[in-house]
Protein backbone atom coordinates (compact mmCIF):
# COMPACT_ATOMS: atom_id res chain seq x y z
CA MET A 1 -24.94 -60.10 -48.57
CA GLY A 2 -25.58 -56.29 -49.62
CA TRP A 3 -28.49 -54.22 -48.49
CA LYS A 4 -30.55 -55.51 -51.72
CA ASN A 5 -30.18 -59.05 -50.79
CA TRP A 6 -31.85 -58.71 -47.38
CA PRO A 7 -35.54 -59.21 -46.58
CA SER A 8 -37.71 -56.89 -46.90
CA TRP A 9 -38.51 -57.08 -43.22
CA LEU A 10 -35.72 -56.42 -42.15
CA LYS A 11 -35.17 -53.17 -44.20
CA GLY A 12 -37.98 -52.18 -42.70
CA GLY A 13 -36.64 -52.46 -39.81
CA ILE A 14 -33.82 -50.62 -39.80
CA ILE A 15 -35.14 -47.74 -41.93
CA ALA A 16 -38.12 -47.19 -39.05
CA GLY A 17 -34.82 -47.72 -36.34
CA ILE A 18 -32.83 -44.75 -37.69
CA ILE A 19 -35.79 -42.58 -38.23
CA PHE A 20 -36.26 -42.77 -35.09
CA ILE A 21 -33.32 -41.99 -33.34
CA ILE A 22 -33.28 -39.06 -36.12
CA LEU A 23 -36.07 -38.21 -34.80
CA LEU A 24 -34.89 -38.73 -31.58
CA ILE A 25 -32.17 -36.29 -32.05
CA LEU A 26 -33.26 -33.25 -33.92
CA SER A 27 -36.50 -33.39 -31.26
CA LEU A 28 -33.71 -31.82 -28.45
CA PHE A 29 -33.55 -29.11 -30.51
CA ILE A 30 -37.16 -28.42 -30.59
CA PRO A 31 -38.32 -26.94 -27.65
CA SER A 32 -41.72 -27.88 -25.86
CA SER A 33 -44.32 -25.89 -26.09
CA GLY A 34 -46.55 -25.07 -23.91
CA CYS A 35 -47.34 -23.04 -20.77
CA THR A 36 -44.62 -20.97 -19.04
CA ASP A 37 -44.52 -20.05 -15.25
CA LYS A 38 -46.84 -16.93 -15.68
CA PRO A 39 -50.31 -17.10 -13.57
CA LEU A 40 -53.37 -18.11 -16.50
CA PRO A 41 -56.25 -15.52 -17.48
CA GLU A 42 -59.50 -15.69 -16.47
CA GLY A 43 -61.38 -18.52 -17.90
CA TYR A 44 -57.76 -20.13 -19.33
CA ILE A 45 -58.32 -23.71 -18.64
CA MET A 46 -55.55 -25.87 -17.91
CA GLU A 47 -55.46 -28.59 -20.70
CA ASP A 48 -54.71 -25.40 -22.90
CA CYS A 49 -51.93 -24.81 -22.02
CA ALA A 50 -50.44 -29.19 -21.69
CA PRO A 51 -46.62 -29.18 -22.57
CA ILE A 52 -45.99 -31.11 -25.49
CA ASN A 53 -42.69 -32.49 -26.67
CA ILE A 54 -41.60 -34.90 -29.83
CA SER A 55 -39.88 -37.43 -27.84
CA SER A 56 -41.97 -37.49 -25.12
CA LEU A 57 -44.33 -38.43 -27.55
CA LEU A 58 -41.57 -40.75 -29.66
CA LEU A 59 -40.89 -42.60 -25.94
CA LEU A 60 -44.66 -43.11 -24.81
CA PRO A 61 -44.47 -46.66 -25.58
CA SER A 62 -41.75 -46.94 -22.97
CA TYR A 63 -43.56 -44.88 -21.04
CA LEU A 64 -46.39 -46.86 -20.02
CA LEU A 65 -43.92 -49.96 -19.48
CA LEU A 66 -41.75 -48.30 -16.44
CA TYR A 67 -44.56 -46.57 -15.05
CA PHE A 68 -46.17 -49.97 -14.70
CA LEU A 69 -43.11 -51.66 -14.02
CA GLU A 70 -42.71 -48.99 -11.66
CA ILE A 71 -38.40 -48.02 -12.28
CA HIS A 72 -38.15 -44.54 -10.86
CA ASN A 73 -34.17 -44.91 -11.43
CA ASP A 74 -33.27 -41.87 -13.92
CA LEU A 75 -30.73 -43.04 -15.81
CA LEU A 76 -32.32 -46.64 -16.34
CA ALA A 77 -35.56 -45.62 -16.74
CA MET A 78 -34.71 -43.46 -19.80
CA SER A 79 -32.34 -46.49 -21.35
CA ILE A 80 -34.42 -48.66 -20.82
CA ALA A 81 -37.24 -46.40 -22.41
CA PHE A 82 -35.35 -45.87 -25.85
CA LEU A 83 -34.31 -48.82 -25.80
CA PHE A 84 -37.97 -50.84 -25.59
CA SER A 85 -38.66 -47.71 -27.99
CA LEU A 86 -36.55 -48.91 -30.42
CA LEU A 87 -37.51 -52.22 -30.15
CA ILE A 88 -40.76 -51.25 -30.89
CA TYR A 89 -40.49 -48.87 -33.55
CA PHE A 90 -38.11 -51.59 -35.37
CA LEU A 91 -40.89 -53.89 -35.24
CA ILE A 92 -43.40 -51.46 -37.07
CA GLY A 93 -41.00 -51.58 -39.40
CA THR A 94 -40.76 -55.48 -40.10
CA LEU A 95 -44.37 -55.31 -40.02
CA ILE A 96 -44.91 -52.56 -42.56
CA GLY A 97 -41.43 -54.18 -44.75
CA PHE A 98 -43.29 -57.68 -44.66
CA ILE A 99 -46.33 -56.22 -46.17
CA TYR A 100 -44.97 -54.18 -48.48
CA ALA A 101 -43.06 -58.01 -49.57
CA LYS A 102 -45.67 -59.64 -49.43
CA ILE A 103 -47.99 -56.89 -52.07
CA LYS A 104 -44.52 -56.42 -54.26
CA SER A 105 -44.37 -60.22 -54.54
CA LYS A 106 -48.72 -60.58 -55.98
CA GLN A 107 -47.59 -57.73 -58.60
CA LYS A 108 -45.05 -60.34 -59.69
CA LEU A 109 -47.17 -62.72 -59.75
CA LYS A 110 -49.49 -61.32 -61.68
């Protein structure tokens, strides 16, 4: 059973999972923006200095789960964060693939 014979929802989930993994790996090479250790100038608001890291944004659904489960072990937390985020992105991809298949089948009927 080749790639062409797979259902669209499965293709969408696999594509979304691969994109998530690629973006996560690429985010390791992009430095996070934010403030340095220098003192803030007069009138500078701390919110203007919030560090943004792409990997943190990708793993955001997992961080919320870890917060509610109160898991503080670093290795366990990062493993759960990665697997849960991968599952979330896979499910998003399956939903997109399912919708794509429905639209495609309706166009074939016309």
